[in-house]
Amino acid sequence: MNNKIIQHVNVLLPHQILPSATVWVTDGKIERIETQEAPQFDEGYERIDGNGMWLIPGMIDVHIHGANGYDMMDGTEASIQEVSHTCATTGCTSFLATSVSSTIDDLLNMIRSVKSVIGREQGAKIAGIHLEGPYLNPKRKGMQNEKYLRHPDLDEMKLIFQEAGSLIKMVTIAPELPGGLELISYLKDQGAVIAVAHSDATYEEAKEAFGAGASHVTHCFNGMRPIHHRDPGLIVAAFEEPHVSLQAIVDQVHLHPAIIRLMHRIKGPEGMVLITDALQAMGLGDGEYLFGGHHVTVSEGIARLADGTLASSTVTMNEALQLTVENEISFTDAVQMASTSPARILGLSNKGKIEIGYDADLVLLNEKYEVQWTMIEGQLV
């Protein structure tokens, strides 16, 4: 049944919490939001009791590589489906399938596998593809495999778009590399969000990139030139540009709590996006993994290469939400960073909010931030 009445929930509206509310879902859309009890004669509606828990808009992860033992770069439909399923269990209702730097053949195979799954996802919906690389700076490579890094190649990017088309929603590049600004111009014409990371860009180079059309910073503070009082770098350039938004990996590892609060104070919840940047260890835990052509060890939930370099994360979206609140950011702001802001950045006009007419992408959370159920377009998954 696609028509539902969700009762006794504390509803996270864009700027407030509506206590003891009732939400009507009709044909996959939010029809009504009220504080009164639903009348007993509403036939054709399945009733769901929220038992006084939080009802939040479905979270949207713009940066995830894998989950539950599956890496989306392996080119199989099974990996895409497993990530979709696992995302839904963590309260994520839409995601960008995110690549790592690779050969062009491996990237095209990944794109084809994503295309084959869209429209029949087992859980969270695929909102598109995020290309993280391969046009990244080896000096700030992080866990990206240096043998696959290369300078921006417009002909190669055109080939990628020929295969993927409008599925490419975000591209992370190092704009200071030769051809970087030309690539930004092309990506802007294609309507992709242009993100900066794995970059050694100076303040001036970053300013030029943001002026040319870049508007986002991937995993801010990680994989980029650090702030120095005589060499502010791309982070300060991003702080100064109102149109530039920032990704944050809130996992108790990648960012100090004070840095998270600083980002929030400067950009506000509308300019920050919570991400997982998860590799396939998300949902499995400690062990040995192969990711991006590297052997990765996960110990106590922290993924590292053999040399100690951080290698993505194992955090889930509901955990990131909890940790953000524990870092002294309000619950409403944290939800905006997990749901509303990524929806706006990706142009998902019917997602990211609990509002009349929006898709019924909804998540019920208890006080421990544990997901009780996830609803996607009116269907419990």
Protein backbone atom coordinates (compact mmCIF):
# COMPACT_ATOMS: atom_id res chain seq x y z
CA MET A 1 0.00 0.00 0.00
CA ASN A 2 1.49 3.33 -1.09
CA ASN A 3 -0.84 5.50 1.03
CA LYS A 4 0.22 5.79 4.63
CA ILE A 5 -0.52 7.75 7.79
CA ILE A 6 2.51 8.10 10.06
CA GLN A 7 1.38 9.04 13.56
CA HIS A 8 3.02 10.10 16.81
CA VAL A 9 6.27 11.38 15.32
CA ASN A 10 8.45 14.40 16.02
CA VAL A 11 8.83 15.78 12.53
CA LEU A 12 11.99 17.57 11.44
CA LEU A 13 10.78 20.51 9.36
CA PRO A 14 13.37 22.74 7.66
CA HIS A 15 13.91 24.97 10.70
CA GLN A 16 11.98 23.42 13.55
CA ILE A 17 10.76 20.21 15.13
CA LEU A 18 7.01 19.61 15.02
CA PRO A 19 6.16 17.41 18.03
CA SER A 20 3.49 14.71 18.11
CA ALA A 21 2.67 15.18 14.45
CA THR A 22 0.92 13.12 11.80
CA VAL A 23 2.15 12.84 8.21
CA TRP A 24 -0.05 11.68 5.34
CA VAL A 25 1.68 10.00 2.40
CA THR A 26 -0.28 9.61 -0.83
CA ASP A 27 1.09 8.05 -4.02
CA GLY A 28 4.64 8.39 -2.78
CA LYS A 29 4.34 12.09 -1.91
CA ILE A 30 3.87 13.97 1.34
CA GLU A 31 0.24 15.12 1.28
CA ARG A 32 -0.39 16.60 4.73
CA ILE A 33 1.48 17.40 7.93
CA GLU A 34 -0.63 18.08 11.00
CA THR A 35 -0.46 18.01 14.76
CA GLN A 36 -3.91 16.53 15.23
CA GLU A 37 -4.68 12.82 15.33
CA ALA A 38 -5.59 11.24 12.03
CA PRO A 39 -9.35 10.58 11.83
CA GLN A 40 -10.32 6.95 12.12
CA PHE A 41 -12.27 6.95 8.85
CA ASP A 42 -9.29 7.51 6.51
CA GLU A 43 -9.74 4.34 4.46
CA GLY A 44 -7.11 3.19 2.03
CA TYR A 45 -4.26 4.31 4.30
CA GLU A 46 -1.88 2.06 6.18
CA ARG A 47 -1.26 3.37 9.68
CA ILE A 48 2.27 3.49 11.07
CA ASP A 49 2.90 4.42 14.71
CA GLY A 50 6.15 6.32 15.21
CA ASN A 51 5.99 5.94 19.00
CA GLY A 52 7.23 9.45 19.61
CA MET A 53 10.46 9.04 17.62
CA TRP A 54 12.04 11.46 15.13
CA LEU A 55 10.89 11.53 11.53
CA ILE A 56 13.56 13.11 9.35
CA PRO A 57 13.90 13.57 5.59
CA GLY A 58 15.89 10.82 3.91
CA MET A 59 19.60 11.53 3.97
CA ILE A 60 21.57 11.95 0.75
CA ASP A 61 25.19 10.80 0.46
CA VAL A 62 27.05 12.56 -2.36
CA HIS A 63 30.25 10.61 -1.73
CA ILE A 64 30.27 6.85 -1.16
CA HIS A 65 32.46 4.19 -2.79
CA GLY A 66 31.18 0.94 -1.33
CA ALA A 67 29.54 -0.90 1.55
CA ASN A 68 29.10 -4.30 3.15
CA GLY A 69 32.02 -5.88 1.31
CA TYR A 70 31.19 -4.46 -2.12
CA ASP A 71 33.21 -1.87 -4.06
CA MET A 72 31.28 -0.09 -6.82
CA MET A 73 34.42 0.13 -8.96
CA ASP A 74 34.31 -3.62 -9.61
CA GLY A 75 31.86 -3.03 -12.44
CA THR A 76 29.13 -5.39 -11.25
CA GLU A 77 25.44 -4.76 -10.73
CA ALA A 78 25.65 -6.72 -7.46
CA SER A 79 27.95 -4.11 -5.93
CA ILE A 80 25.70 -1.22 -6.89
CA GLN A 81 22.66 -3.04 -5.50
CA GLU A 82 24.40 -3.90 -2.24
CA VAL A 83 25.41 -0.28 -1.69
CA SER A 84 21.82 0.77 -2.45
CA HIS A 85 20.49 -1.74 0.08
CA THR A 86 23.02 -0.90 2.79
CA CYS A 87 22.51 2.84 2.36
CA ALA A 88 18.80 2.43 3.02
CA THR A 89 19.47 0.60 6.29
CA THR A 90 21.45 3.63 7.50
CA GLY A 91 18.77 6.19 6.63
CA CYS A 92 20.26 7.21 3.29
CA THR A 93 17.58 7.37 0.58
CA SER A 94 19.64 8.72 -2.34
CA PHE A 95 23.34 8.58 -3.17
CA LEU A 96 25.96 9.36 -5.78
CA ALA A 97 27.86 6.26 -6.86
CA THR A 98 31.42 7.49 -6.45
CA SER A 99 34.45 6.36 -8.41
CA VAL A 100 38.13 6.36 -7.55
CA SER A 101 40.98 7.05 -9.97
CA SER A 102 41.34 4.12 -12.36
CA THR A 103 41.86 3.17 -15.97
CA ILE A 104 39.31 4.56 -18.39
CA ASP A 105 38.03 1.02 -19.07
CA ASP A 106 37.36 0.36 -15.38
CA LEU A 107 35.58 3.69 -15.04
CA LEU A 108 33.38 3.06 -18.07
CA ASN A 109 32.49 -0.39 -16.72
CA MET A 110 31.50 1.19 -13.40
CA ILE A 111 29.30 3.70 -15.24
CA ARG A 112 27.62 0.92 -17.21
CA SER A 113 26.86 -1.04 -14.05
CA VAL A 114 25.28 2.05 -12.49
CA LYS A 115 23.16 2.62 -15.59
CA SER A 116 21.94 -0.96 -15.52
CA VAL A 117 20.70 -0.65 -11.91
CA ILE A 118 18.98 2.74 -12.07
CA GLY A 119 15.22 2.34 -11.82
CA ARG A 120 15.36 -1.00 -10.05
CA GLU A 121 17.42 -0.22 -6.96
CA GLN A 122 16.87 -2.52 -3.99
CA GLY A 123 17.15 0.38 -1.55
CA ALA A 124 18.41 3.94 -1.84
CA LYS A 125 17.95 5.60 -5.21
CA ILE A 126 20.94 6.43 -7.37
CA ALA A 127 20.93 10.20 -7.83
CA GLY A 128 23.86 10.03 -10.24
CA ILE A 129 27.60 9.50 -10.36
CA HIS A 130 30.41 11.37 -8.60
CA LEU A 131 33.75 11.12 -10.39
CA GLU A 132 36.49 11.47 -7.78
CA GLY A 133 39.45 11.68 -10.14
CA PRO A 134 41.42 10.78 -12.10
CA TYR A 135 42.48 14.41 -12.62
CA LEU A 136 44.06 14.83 -9.20
CA ASN A 137 47.40 16.10 -7.94
CA PRO A 138 49.84 13.34 -6.89
CA LYS A 139 51.21 15.64 -4.17
CA ARG A 140 47.81 15.44 -2.38
CA LYS A 141 46.79 12.00 -3.58
CA GLY A 142 45.79 10.59 -0.19
CA MET A 143 44.64 7.05 -0.88
CA GLN A 144 44.17 7.65 -4.62
CA ASN A 145 46.42 5.33 -6.62
CA GLU A 146 49.12 7.50 -8.19
CA LYS A 147 49.57 5.26 -11.23
CA TYR A 148 46.08 6.24 -12.37
CA LEU A 149 46.39 10.00 -11.76
CA ARG A 150 46.72 12.18 -14.83
CA HIS A 151 46.26 15.70 -16.11
CA PRO A 152 42.79 16.80 -17.21
CA ASP A 153 41.98 15.35 -20.61
CA LEU A 154 39.02 16.98 -22.32
CA ASP A 155 38.73 14.26 -24.96
CA GLU A 156 38.64 11.58 -22.25
CA MET A 157 36.01 13.50 -20.29
CA LYS A 158 33.89 13.81 -23.42
CA LEU A 159 34.12 10.03 -23.83
CA ILE A 160 32.99 9.61 -20.23
CA PHE A 161 29.99 11.88 -20.80
CA GLN A 162 29.22 10.04 -24.01
CA GLU A 163 28.74 6.90 -21.91
CA ALA A 164 27.19 8.45 -18.80
CA GLY A 165 25.40 11.55 -20.08
CA SER A 166 23.52 13.48 -17.44
CA LEU A 167 24.30 10.81 -14.82
CA ILE A 168 27.53 12.67 -14.03
CA LYS A 169 26.38 14.96 -11.23
CA MET A 170 29.69 15.81 -9.55
CA VAL A 171 33.34 15.76 -10.60
CA THR A 172 36.25 16.25 -8.19
CA ILE A 173 39.41 17.67 -9.77
CA ALA A 174 42.65 19.46 -8.91
CA PRO A 175 42.11 22.72 -10.83
CA GLU A 176 45.75 23.79 -10.72
CA LEU A 177 46.78 20.98 -13.08
CA PRO A 178 47.36 21.83 -16.74
CA GLY A 179 43.97 21.94 -18.47
CA GLY A 180 42.08 22.28 -15.19
CA LEU A 181 40.31 25.54 -16.01
CA GLU A 182 39.34 24.31 -19.47
CA LEU A 183 37.85 21.20 -17.87
CA ILE A 184 35.90 23.36 -15.41
CA SER A 185 34.42 25.29 -18.33
CA TYR A 186 33.34 22.07 -20.04
CA LEU A 187 31.87 20.56 -16.86
CA LYS A 188 29.98 23.77 -16.15
CA ASP A 189 28.39 23.55 -19.59
CA GLN A 190 27.37 19.95 -18.82
CA GLY A 191 25.63 21.01 -15.60
CA ALA A 192 27.87 19.00 -13.26
CA VAL A 193 28.83 20.18 -9.79
CA ILE A 194 32.55 20.90 -9.96
CA ALA A 195 34.35 19.99 -6.75
CA VAL A 196 37.94 20.56 -5.67
CA ALA A 197 40.11 18.14 -3.68
CA HIS A 198 43.30 16.09 -3.84
CA SER A 199 44.63 19.46 -4.83
CA ASP A 200 47.70 21.56 -4.03
CA ALA A 201 46.00 24.71 -5.33
CA THR A 202 47.16 27.97 -3.85
CA TYR A 203 44.68 30.54 -2.62
CA GLU A 204 44.96 32.38 -5.95
CA GLU A 205 44.56 29.23 -8.04
CA ALA A 206 41.52 28.18 -6.02
CA LYS A 207 39.96 31.63 -6.34
CA GLU A 208 40.37 31.37 -10.11
CA ALA A 209 38.75 27.94 -10.14
CA PHE A 210 35.82 29.10 -8.02
CA GLY A 211 35.41 32.11 -10.27
CA ALA A 212 35.38 29.83 -13.32
CA GLY A 213 32.59 27.61 -11.98
CA ALA A 214 33.85 25.27 -9.26
CA SER A 215 31.40 25.38 -6.35
CA HIS A 216 32.17 22.55 -3.95
CA VAL A 217 35.02 21.13 -1.85
CA THR A 218 35.27 17.37 -1.49
CA HIS A 219 36.12 16.08 2.03
CA CYS A 220 37.23 19.54 3.14
CA PHE A 221 40.63 19.78 4.89
CA ASN A 222 41.56 16.28 3.71
CA GLY A 223 43.63 15.79 0.57
CA MET A 224 44.53 19.44 0.03
CA ARG A 225 47.02 22.17 0.86
CA PRO A 226 46.59 23.07 4.53
CA ILE A 227 45.92 26.57 5.85
CA HIS A 228 49.02 28.63 6.61
CA HIS A 229 48.95 32.28 7.63
CA ARG A 230 51.16 33.24 4.66
CA ASP A 231 49.78 30.59 2.31
CA PRO A 232 46.02 30.28 2.97
CA GLY A 233 45.36 27.77 0.18
CA LEU A 234 42.09 26.57 -1.26
CA ILE A 235 40.31 26.11 2.09
CA VAL A 236 40.40 29.82 2.92
CA ALA A 237 39.46 30.61 -0.69
CA ALA A 238 36.42 28.35 -0.28
CA PHE A 239 35.53 29.96 3.04
CA GLU A 240 35.43 33.36 1.33
CA GLU A 241 33.19 32.32 -1.57
CA PRO A 242 29.49 32.27 -0.60
CA HIS A 243 28.58 29.93 -3.46
CA VAL A 244 31.10 27.24 -2.45
CA SER A 245 29.84 24.40 -0.25
CA LEU A 246 31.91 21.94 1.77
CA GLN A 247 31.82 18.20 2.39
CA ALA A 248 32.56 17.00 5.91
CA ILE A 249 33.52 13.49 7.00
CA VAL A 250 32.32 13.50 10.60
CA ASP A 251 33.72 10.22 11.91
CA GLN A 252 35.95 11.23 14.85
CA VAL A 253 38.99 10.71 12.61
CA HIS A 254 39.07 12.97 9.56
CA LEU A 255 38.14 16.25 11.28
CA HIS A 256 38.71 17.64 14.77
CA PRO A 257 35.45 18.74 16.42
CA ALA A 258 36.66 22.36 16.48
CA ILE A 259 37.21 22.26 12.71
CA ILE A 260 33.69 20.91 12.19
CA ARG A 261 32.31 23.77 14.28
CA LEU A 262 34.48 26.28 12.39
CA MET A 263 33.15 25.05 9.03
CA HIS A 264 29.60 25.27 10.36
CA ARG A 265 30.12 28.74 11.78
CA ILE A 266 31.51 30.06 8.49
CA LYS A 267 29.26 28.25 6.01
CA GLY A 268 26.15 27.44 8.02
CA PRO A 269 24.15 24.25 7.47
CA GLU A 270 23.19 25.37 3.96
CA GLY A 271 26.87 25.38 2.96
CA MET A 272 27.88 22.05 4.49
CA VAL A 273 27.20 18.48 3.45
CA LEU A 274 27.68 15.37 5.58
CA ILE A 275 29.22 12.48 3.66
CA THR A 276 30.46 9.00 4.47
CA ASP A 277 33.25 8.64 1.85
CA ALA A 278 32.76 5.00 2.80
CA LEU A 279 34.67 2.11 1.33
CA GLN A 280 33.39 -1.46 1.27
CA ALA A 281 34.26 -1.94 4.95
CA MET A 282 31.19 0.09 5.93
CA GLY A 283 28.85 -2.37 7.59
CA LEU A 284 31.52 -5.06 8.03
CA GLY A 285 34.12 -3.53 10.33
CA ASP A 286 37.75 -4.40 10.92
CA GLY A 287 39.68 -6.48 8.43
CA GLU A 288 41.78 -6.43 5.25
CA TYR A 289 40.35 -4.97 2.04
CA LEU A 290 41.41 -4.15 -1.52
CA PHE A 291 40.32 -0.63 -2.45
CA GLY A 292 41.46 1.60 -5.31
CA GLY A 293 44.26 -0.81 -6.11
CA HIS A 294 45.59 -0.64 -2.54
CA HIS A 295 45.58 -3.05 0.36
CA VAL A 296 43.66 -1.33 3.16
CA THR A 297 43.60 -2.32 6.82
CA VAL A 298 40.61 -1.37 8.95
CA SER A 299 41.36 -1.38 12.66
CA GLU A 300 38.98 -0.01 15.29
CA GLY A 301 36.86 1.31 12.42
CA ILE A 302 39.69 3.37 10.90
CA ALA A 303 40.82 2.52 7.34
CA ARG A 304 44.48 3.09 6.48
CA LEU A 305 47.02 2.19 3.82
CA ALA A 306 50.22 0.41 4.85
CA ASP A 307 51.99 3.77 5.26
CA GLY A 308 49.30 5.04 7.64
CA THR A 309 47.44 7.21 5.11
CA LEU A 310 43.72 7.42 5.81
CA ALA A 311 41.79 5.45 3.19
CA SER A 312 38.20 6.66 3.15
CA SER A 313 35.87 5.97 6.07
CA THR A 314 33.57 3.37 7.56
CA VAL A 315 31.06 5.82 9.06
CA THR A 316 27.37 5.60 8.13
CA MET A 317 25.05 8.54 7.54
CA ASN A 318 23.10 8.04 10.77
CA GLU A 319 26.37 7.81 12.70
CA ALA A 320 27.65 10.99 11.02
CA LEU A 321 24.41 12.70 12.02
CA GLN A 322 24.82 11.64 15.64
CA LEU A 323 28.47 12.67 15.78
CA THR A 324 27.65 16.07 14.30
CA VAL A 325 25.14 16.72 17.09
CA GLU A 326 27.65 15.48 19.66
CA ASN A 327 30.06 18.08 18.23
CA GLU A 328 27.67 20.80 19.44
CA ILE A 329 25.77 21.44 16.21
CA SER A 330 21.99 21.50 16.52
CA PHE A 331 19.95 18.52 15.41
CA THR A 332 17.99 20.62 12.90
CA ASP A 333 21.22 21.93 11.37
CA ALA A 334 22.73 18.45 11.25
CA VAL A 335 19.67 17.11 9.42
CA GLN A 336 19.87 20.00 6.98
CA MET A 337 23.50 19.10 6.29
CA ALA A 338 22.60 15.44 5.75
CA SER A 339 19.42 15.91 3.71
CA THR A 340 18.42 19.40 2.59
CA SER A 341 21.79 20.81 1.55
CA PRO A 342 22.86 17.87 -0.61
CA ALA A 343 19.44 17.83 -2.28
CA ARG A 344 19.78 21.51 -3.12
CA ILE A 345 23.34 21.16 -4.39
CA LEU A 346 22.34 18.26 -6.66
CA GLY A 347 19.17 19.98 -7.86
CA LEU A 348 16.86 17.32 -6.39
CA SER A 349 13.92 19.67 -6.09
CA ASN A 350 11.50 17.14 -4.55
CA LYS A 351 13.83 15.65 -1.95
CA GLY A 352 15.62 16.67 1.22
CA LYS A 353 12.70 18.16 3.16
CA ILE A 354 9.52 17.06 4.86
CA GLU A 355 7.17 19.38 3.04
CA ILE A 356 3.85 18.99 1.25
CA GLY A 357 4.42 17.85 -2.32
CA TYR A 358 7.90 16.45 -1.69
CA ASP A 359 8.81 12.81 -2.22
CA ALA A 360 8.05 10.70 0.84
CA ASP A 361 11.70 9.85 1.47
CA LEU A 362 11.51 9.50 5.24
CA VAL A 363 13.52 7.95 8.06
CA LEU A 364 12.37 7.06 11.58
CA LEU A 365 15.15 7.43 14.17
CA ASN A 366 15.13 6.59 17.85
CA GLU A 367 16.94 8.67 20.47
CA LYS A 368 20.14 6.69 19.84
CA TYR A 369 20.03 7.64 16.13
CA GLU A 370 19.29 4.04 15.22
CA VAL A 371 17.26 3.66 12.04
CA GLN A 372 13.89 2.02 12.73
CA TRP A 373 12.78 2.09 9.13
CA THR A 374 13.46 3.89 5.86
CA MET A 375 10.78 4.92 3.39
CA ILE A 376 11.59 5.79 -0.20
CA GLU A 377 8.90 7.41 -2.33
CA GLY A 378 6.27 6.10 0.03
CA GLN A 379 7.53 2.53 0.19
CA LEU A 380 9.18 0.97 3.23
CA VAL A 381 12.44 -0.67 2.17
